[in-house]
Amino acid sequence: MKTSHEKEPWPLSGEFYKLDGPIGNGRFGIVWRAHCFKPNSTHHLKKVAIKILDLSSQQSQIEDFRKEISIMGSNFHKNLLNQFCSFTHERELWLVMPLLEGSLNDIVAIQKGEHGIKDEVLLASIL
């Protein structure tokens, strides 16, 4: 199912993505760092994040999967995480998204001093 709002279509098959390693856990699955490859090419297009949902072990959560895909696929705001595309691969659902390096937890850990975060601009940005 194509949900991309970008001009160039994203590949809709797992063979065009190389998983590099897990980077986190989502509500329904593991999020992986990956490279996207163009069809008939060995050069990667872009680094991406792929949330992989196991469809065989979570049959009771299919409706929740559909809601998550629908929300992510319809959101195109610059301040929200967008979804490039989604597709099934074997017994899994793959959600391809932008790869965001670092996390809010990383920023807070770096900026936090003995008495908390003192940078008002950073605090306002977080809130």
N, C-alpha and C. Protein backbone atom coordinates (compact mmCIF):
# COMPACT_ATOMS: atom_id res chain seq x y z
N MET A 1 0.85 -1.16 0.00
CA MET A 1 0.00 0.00 0.00
C MET A 1 0.90 1.22 0.00
N LYS A 2 0.76 2.08 -0.97
CA LYS A 2 1.59 3.27 -1.11
C LYS A 2 0.94 4.42 -0.36
N THR A 3 1.72 5.03 0.52
CA THR A 3 1.19 6.17 1.26
C THR A 3 2.13 7.36 1.18
N SER A 4 3.10 7.30 0.32
CA SER A 4 4.10 8.36 0.24
C SER A 4 3.52 9.62 -0.37
N HIS A 5 3.98 10.77 0.13
CA HIS A 5 3.59 12.04 -0.44
C HIS A 5 4.76 12.63 -1.23
N GLU A 6 5.83 11.86 -1.40
CA GLU A 6 6.99 12.34 -2.13
C GLU A 6 6.82 12.05 -3.61
N LYS A 7 7.60 12.78 -4.44
CA LYS A 7 7.49 12.66 -5.89
C LYS A 7 7.95 11.31 -6.40
N GLU A 8 9.08 10.81 -5.87
CA GLU A 8 9.61 9.53 -6.32
C GLU A 8 9.04 8.41 -5.46
N PRO A 9 8.48 7.38 -6.08
CA PRO A 9 7.88 6.31 -5.28
C PRO A 9 8.94 5.49 -4.53
N TRP A 10 8.57 5.03 -3.38
CA TRP A 10 9.45 4.18 -2.57
C TRP A 10 9.22 2.73 -2.95
N PRO A 11 10.27 1.90 -2.97
CA PRO A 11 10.10 0.47 -3.28
C PRO A 11 9.16 -0.19 -2.27
N LEU A 12 8.32 -1.06 -2.77
CA LEU A 12 7.33 -1.74 -1.93
C LEU A 12 7.64 -3.21 -1.76
N SER A 13 8.92 -3.52 -1.59
CA SER A 13 9.35 -4.90 -1.39
C SER A 13 10.56 -4.90 -0.46
N GLY A 14 10.61 -5.87 0.43
CA GLY A 14 11.71 -5.97 1.38
C GLY A 14 13.07 -6.18 0.74
N GLU A 15 13.10 -6.68 -0.51
CA GLU A 15 14.38 -6.92 -1.18
C GLU A 15 15.14 -5.63 -1.46
N PHE A 16 14.47 -4.47 -1.41
CA PHE A 16 15.11 -3.19 -1.69
C PHE A 16 15.57 -2.45 -0.43
N TYR A 17 15.51 -3.15 0.70
CA TYR A 17 15.92 -2.55 1.96
C TYR A 17 16.90 -3.49 2.66
N LYS A 18 17.98 -2.92 3.20
CA LYS A 18 18.95 -3.69 3.97
C LYS A 18 18.85 -3.23 5.42
N LEU A 19 18.46 -4.14 6.30
CA LEU A 19 18.35 -3.82 7.72
C LEU A 19 19.73 -3.82 8.35
N ASP A 20 20.07 -2.72 9.05
CA ASP A 20 21.39 -2.59 9.67
C ASP A 20 21.39 -3.01 11.14
N GLY A 21 20.28 -2.86 11.80
CA GLY A 21 20.22 -3.23 13.21
C GLY A 21 19.06 -2.53 13.89
N PRO A 22 18.61 -3.08 15.01
CA PRO A 22 17.49 -2.47 15.74
C PRO A 22 17.91 -1.17 16.41
N ILE A 23 17.00 -0.19 16.43
CA ILE A 23 17.27 1.09 17.08
C ILE A 23 16.24 1.43 18.15
N GLY A 24 15.19 0.64 18.26
CA GLY A 24 14.18 0.91 19.29
C GLY A 24 12.99 0.01 19.16
N ASN A 25 12.10 0.14 20.13
CA ASN A 25 10.87 -0.63 20.14
C ASN A 25 9.69 0.30 20.05
N GLY A 26 8.77 -0.02 19.15
CA GLY A 26 7.52 0.71 19.06
C GLY A 26 6.45 -0.05 19.82
N ARG A 27 5.25 0.44 19.76
CA ARG A 27 4.14 -0.21 20.47
C ARG A 27 3.91 -1.63 19.95
N PHE A 28 4.04 -1.82 18.65
CA PHE A 28 3.73 -3.12 18.07
C PHE A 28 4.92 -3.86 17.49
N GLY A 29 6.08 -3.24 17.43
CA GLY A 29 7.19 -3.94 16.81
C GLY A 29 8.51 -3.24 17.02
N ILE A 30 9.55 -3.83 16.47
CA ILE A 30 10.90 -3.31 16.57
C ILE A 30 11.15 -2.34 15.41
N VAL A 31 11.85 -1.25 15.70
CA VAL A 31 12.22 -0.28 14.68
C VAL A 31 13.68 -0.53 14.31
N TRP A 32 13.95 -0.64 13.01
CA TRP A 32 15.28 -0.94 12.48
C TRP A 32 15.84 0.22 11.69
N ARG A 33 17.15 0.42 11.78
CA ARG A 33 17.86 1.32 10.88
C ARG A 33 18.08 0.52 9.60
N ALA A 34 17.87 1.16 8.45
CA ALA A 34 18.00 0.44 7.18
C ALA A 34 18.44 1.37 6.06
N HIS A 35 18.86 0.75 4.96
CA HIS A 35 19.19 1.47 3.73
C HIS A 35 18.18 1.07 2.67
N CYS A 36 17.70 2.03 1.93
CA CYS A 36 16.79 1.77 0.82
C CYS A 36 17.59 1.80 -0.47
N PHE A 37 17.40 0.80 -1.32
CA PHE A 37 18.09 0.71 -2.60
C PHE A 37 17.11 0.90 -3.75
N LYS A 38 17.57 1.54 -4.81
CA LYS A 38 16.75 1.66 -6.01
C LYS A 38 16.66 0.30 -6.68
N PRO A 39 15.54 -0.02 -7.30
CA PRO A 39 15.47 -1.25 -8.09
C PRO A 39 16.56 -1.24 -9.17
N ASN A 40 17.21 -2.38 -9.38
CA ASN A 40 18.28 -2.57 -10.37
C ASN A 40 19.51 -1.71 -10.08
N SER A 41 19.80 -1.45 -8.82
CA SER A 41 20.96 -0.64 -8.45
C SER A 41 21.54 -1.15 -7.13
N THR A 42 22.83 -0.91 -6.93
CA THR A 42 23.45 -1.26 -5.65
C THR A 42 23.69 -0.02 -4.80
N HIS A 43 23.34 1.15 -5.31
CA HIS A 43 23.52 2.39 -4.57
C HIS A 43 22.27 2.68 -3.75
N HIS A 44 22.48 2.99 -2.47
CA HIS A 44 21.31 3.25 -1.63
C HIS A 44 20.76 4.64 -1.87
N LEU A 45 19.44 4.76 -1.81
CA LEU A 45 18.75 6.03 -1.96
C LEU A 45 18.88 6.87 -0.69
N LYS A 46 18.58 6.22 0.42
CA LYS A 46 18.47 6.97 1.66
C LYS A 46 18.51 6.03 2.84
N LYS A 47 19.00 6.54 3.97
CA LYS A 47 18.88 5.80 5.22
C LYS A 47 17.46 6.01 5.72
N VAL A 48 16.84 4.96 6.21
CA VAL A 48 15.47 5.03 6.69
C VAL A 48 15.33 4.24 7.99
N ALA A 49 14.20 4.42 8.64
CA ALA A 49 13.81 3.59 9.77
C ALA A 49 12.65 2.73 9.30
N ILE A 50 12.65 1.47 9.69
CA ILE A 50 11.56 0.57 9.31
C ILE A 50 11.02 -0.09 10.57
N LYS A 51 9.73 0.15 10.83
CA LYS A 51 9.07 -0.55 11.93
C LYS A 51 8.50 -1.83 11.35
N ILE A 52 8.87 -2.95 11.95
CA ILE A 52 8.43 -4.26 11.46
C ILE A 52 7.45 -4.86 12.46
N LEU A 53 6.25 -5.13 11.96
CA LEU A 53 5.19 -5.72 12.77
C LEU A 53 4.99 -7.17 12.37
N ASP A 54 5.03 -8.07 13.32
CA ASP A 54 4.83 -9.49 13.05
C ASP A 54 3.34 -9.78 12.98
N LEU A 55 2.85 -10.03 11.77
CA LEU A 55 1.41 -10.25 11.58
C LEU A 55 0.95 -11.61 12.09
N SER A 56 1.83 -12.60 12.11
CA SER A 56 1.40 -13.94 12.50
C SER A 56 1.21 -14.09 14.00
N SER A 57 1.97 -13.34 14.79
CA SER A 57 1.88 -13.54 16.24
C SER A 57 0.94 -12.56 16.92
N GLN A 58 0.37 -11.61 16.17
CA GLN A 58 -0.44 -10.59 16.80
C GLN A 58 -1.77 -10.39 16.07
N GLN A 59 -2.44 -11.47 15.75
CA GLN A 59 -3.69 -11.40 14.99
C GLN A 59 -4.74 -10.54 15.69
N SER A 60 -4.75 -10.52 17.01
CA SER A 60 -5.75 -9.74 17.74
C SER A 60 -5.52 -8.24 17.63
N GLN A 61 -4.36 -7.83 17.12
CA GLN A 61 -4.05 -6.41 17.05
C GLN A 61 -4.09 -5.84 15.63
N ILE A 62 -4.65 -6.58 14.68
CA ILE A 62 -4.70 -6.13 13.29
C ILE A 62 -5.41 -4.78 13.15
N GLU A 63 -6.51 -4.59 13.87
CA GLU A 63 -7.23 -3.32 13.78
C GLU A 63 -6.38 -2.17 14.30
N ASP A 64 -5.62 -2.41 15.37
CA ASP A 64 -4.71 -1.39 15.89
C ASP A 64 -3.62 -1.07 14.87
N PHE A 65 -3.11 -2.09 14.15
CA PHE A 65 -2.12 -1.88 13.08
C PHE A 65 -2.72 -0.96 12.02
N ARG A 66 -3.94 -1.25 11.62
CA ARG A 66 -4.60 -0.44 10.57
C ARG A 66 -4.75 1.01 10.99
N LYS A 67 -5.11 1.23 12.24
CA LYS A 67 -5.25 2.60 12.74
C LYS A 67 -3.90 3.32 12.70
N GLU A 68 -2.84 2.65 13.15
CA GLU A 68 -1.52 3.28 13.16
C GLU A 68 -1.07 3.63 11.75
N ILE A 69 -1.27 2.72 10.81
CA ILE A 69 -0.89 2.97 9.42
C ILE A 69 -1.70 4.12 8.84
N SER A 70 -2.98 4.14 9.13
CA SER A 70 -3.85 5.20 8.63
C SER A 70 -3.42 6.56 9.16
N ILE A 71 -3.13 6.64 10.45
CA ILE A 71 -2.71 7.90 11.04
C ILE A 71 -1.37 8.35 10.46
N MET A 72 -0.40 7.44 10.42
CA MET A 72 0.92 7.80 9.90
C MET A 72 0.87 8.13 8.41
N GLY A 73 0.03 7.43 7.67
CA GLY A 73 -0.06 7.65 6.22
C GLY A 73 -0.78 8.93 5.84
N SER A 74 -1.57 9.47 6.75
CA SER A 74 -2.33 10.68 6.42
C SER A 74 -1.71 11.95 7.02
N ASN A 75 -0.60 11.80 7.72
CA ASN A 75 0.01 12.95 8.37
C ASN A 75 1.17 13.46 7.54
N PHE A 76 1.12 14.73 7.17
CA PHE A 76 2.16 15.33 6.34
C PHE A 76 2.66 16.64 6.95
N HIS A 77 2.64 16.75 8.25
CA HIS A 77 3.09 17.97 8.91
C HIS A 77 4.60 17.92 9.11
N LYS A 78 5.28 19.04 8.95
CA LYS A 78 6.74 19.08 9.05
C LYS A 78 7.24 18.73 10.45
N ASN A 79 6.43 18.87 11.48
CA ASN A 79 6.86 18.58 12.84
C ASN A 79 6.43 17.20 13.34
N LEU A 80 5.86 16.40 12.48
CA LEU A 80 5.44 15.04 12.85
C LEU A 80 6.16 14.02 11.98
N LEU A 81 6.34 12.84 12.53
CA LEU A 81 7.00 11.77 11.79
C LEU A 81 6.08 11.28 10.68
N ASN A 82 6.57 11.33 9.44
CA ASN A 82 5.79 10.90 8.29
C ASN A 82 6.19 9.48 7.88
N GLN A 83 5.32 8.82 7.20
CA GLN A 83 5.57 7.48 6.70
C GLN A 83 5.77 7.56 5.19
N PHE A 84 6.84 6.96 4.68
CA PHE A 84 7.07 6.96 3.24
C PHE A 84 6.17 5.96 2.53
N CYS A 85 6.11 4.74 3.08
CA CYS A 85 5.27 3.69 2.48
C CYS A 85 5.13 2.56 3.48
N SER A 86 4.26 1.62 3.17
CA SER A 86 4.12 0.40 3.97
C SER A 86 3.80 -0.74 3.02
N PHE A 87 4.22 -1.94 3.39
CA PHE A 87 3.98 -3.13 2.57
C PHE A 87 4.17 -4.38 3.41
N THR A 88 3.66 -5.49 2.93
CA THR A 88 3.88 -6.76 3.63
C THR A 88 5.10 -7.44 3.03
N HIS A 89 5.86 -8.07 3.90
CA HIS A 89 7.05 -8.84 3.51
C HIS A 89 7.01 -10.13 4.31
N GLU A 90 6.82 -11.24 3.61
CA GLU A 90 6.62 -12.54 4.26
C GLU A 90 5.44 -12.42 5.22
N ARG A 91 5.62 -12.66 6.52
CA ARG A 91 4.51 -12.57 7.49
C ARG A 91 4.64 -11.31 8.35
N GLU A 92 5.21 -10.25 7.73
CA GLU A 92 5.43 -9.02 8.47
C GLU A 92 4.87 -7.83 7.70
N LEU A 93 4.55 -6.79 8.45
CA LEU A 93 4.16 -5.52 7.85
C LEU A 93 5.32 -4.56 8.11
N TRP A 94 5.84 -3.94 7.04
CA TRP A 94 6.96 -3.01 7.15
C TRP A 94 6.44 -1.59 6.94
N LEU A 95 6.74 -0.70 7.89
CA LEU A 95 6.41 0.71 7.79
C LEU A 95 7.73 1.47 7.60
N VAL A 96 7.91 2.08 6.44
CA VAL A 96 9.15 2.78 6.11
C VAL A 96 8.99 4.26 6.45
N MET A 97 9.91 4.78 7.28
CA MET A 97 9.82 6.15 7.79
C MET A 97 11.19 6.82 7.71
N PRO A 98 11.22 8.14 7.89
CA PRO A 98 12.52 8.81 7.95
C PRO A 98 13.32 8.32 9.15
N LEU A 99 14.62 8.29 9.00
CA LEU A 99 15.50 7.93 10.11
C LEU A 99 15.86 9.21 10.85
N LEU A 100 15.50 9.27 12.11
CA LEU A 100 15.83 10.42 12.95
C LEU A 100 16.99 10.03 13.84
N GLU A 101 18.11 10.68 13.67
CA GLU A 101 19.29 10.38 14.48
C GLU A 101 19.14 11.03 15.86
N GLY A 102 19.36 10.28 16.90
CA GLY A 102 19.25 10.80 18.26
C GLY A 102 17.81 10.79 18.74
N SER A 103 17.63 11.10 20.00
CA SER A 103 16.29 11.12 20.58
C SER A 103 16.20 12.24 21.62
N LEU A 104 15.01 12.51 22.06
CA LEU A 104 14.81 13.50 23.11
C LEU A 104 15.55 13.06 24.37
N ASN A 105 15.55 11.78 24.64
CA ASN A 105 16.26 11.25 25.80
C ASN A 105 17.76 11.56 25.69
N ASP A 106 18.34 11.43 24.48
CA ASP A 106 19.75 11.75 24.28
C ASP A 106 20.02 13.22 24.57
N ILE A 107 19.16 14.10 24.09
CA ILE A 107 19.34 15.55 24.29
C ILE A 107 19.28 15.88 25.78
N VAL A 108 18.29 15.34 26.47
CA VAL A 108 18.14 15.63 27.89
C VAL A 108 19.34 15.09 28.67
N ALA A 109 19.81 13.90 28.33
CA ALA A 109 20.96 13.32 29.03
C ALA A 109 22.21 14.17 28.84
N ILE A 110 22.41 14.74 27.66
CA ILE A 110 23.58 15.56 27.38
C ILE A 110 23.47 16.91 28.08
N GLN A 111 22.28 17.51 28.08
CA GLN A 111 22.10 18.87 28.59
C GLN A 111 21.84 18.96 30.09
N LYS A 112 21.44 17.86 30.70
CA LYS A 112 21.07 17.89 32.11
C LYS A 112 22.30 18.03 32.99
N GLY A 113 22.28 19.02 33.85
CA GLY A 113 23.36 19.20 34.82
C GLY A 113 22.94 18.63 36.16
N GLU A 114 23.66 19.01 37.18
CA GLU A 114 23.34 18.54 38.54
C GLU A 114 21.95 18.95 38.98
N HIS A 115 21.52 20.13 38.52
CA HIS A 115 20.24 20.68 38.98
C HIS A 115 19.22 20.77 37.85
N GLY A 116 19.31 19.89 36.88
CA GLY A 116 18.35 19.88 35.78
C GLY A 116 18.79 20.72 34.60
N ILE A 117 17.90 20.92 33.67
CA ILE A 117 18.19 21.69 32.46
C ILE A 117 17.92 23.16 32.74
N LYS A 118 18.92 24.00 32.48
CA LYS A 118 18.79 25.44 32.75
C LYS A 118 18.53 26.25 31.48
N ASP A 119 18.72 25.66 30.32
CA ASP A 119 18.55 26.37 29.04
C ASP A 119 17.06 26.53 28.74
N GLU A 120 16.55 27.76 28.86
CA GLU A 120 15.11 28.02 28.67
C GLU A 120 14.65 27.73 27.24
N VAL A 121 15.49 28.03 26.27
CA VAL A 121 15.13 27.76 24.88
C VAL A 121 14.97 26.26 24.65
N LEU A 122 15.90 25.47 25.20
CA LEU A 122 15.80 24.03 25.07
C LEU A 122 14.54 23.50 25.76
N LEU A 123 14.26 23.99 26.95
CA LEU A 123 13.05 23.56 27.66
C LEU A 123 11.79 23.92 26.89
N ALA A 124 11.76 25.12 26.32
CA ALA A 124 10.59 25.53 25.53
C ALA A 124 10.44 24.65 24.29
N SER A 125 11.56 24.30 23.67
CA SER A 125 11.52 23.43 22.48
C SER A 125 10.99 22.04 22.83
N ILE A 126 11.44 21.52 23.95
CA ILE A 126 10.99 20.18 24.39
C ILE A 126 9.49 20.20 24.69
N LEU A 127 9.05 21.24 25.38
CA LEU A 127 7.63 21.31 25.72
C LEU A 127 6.79 21.60 24.51
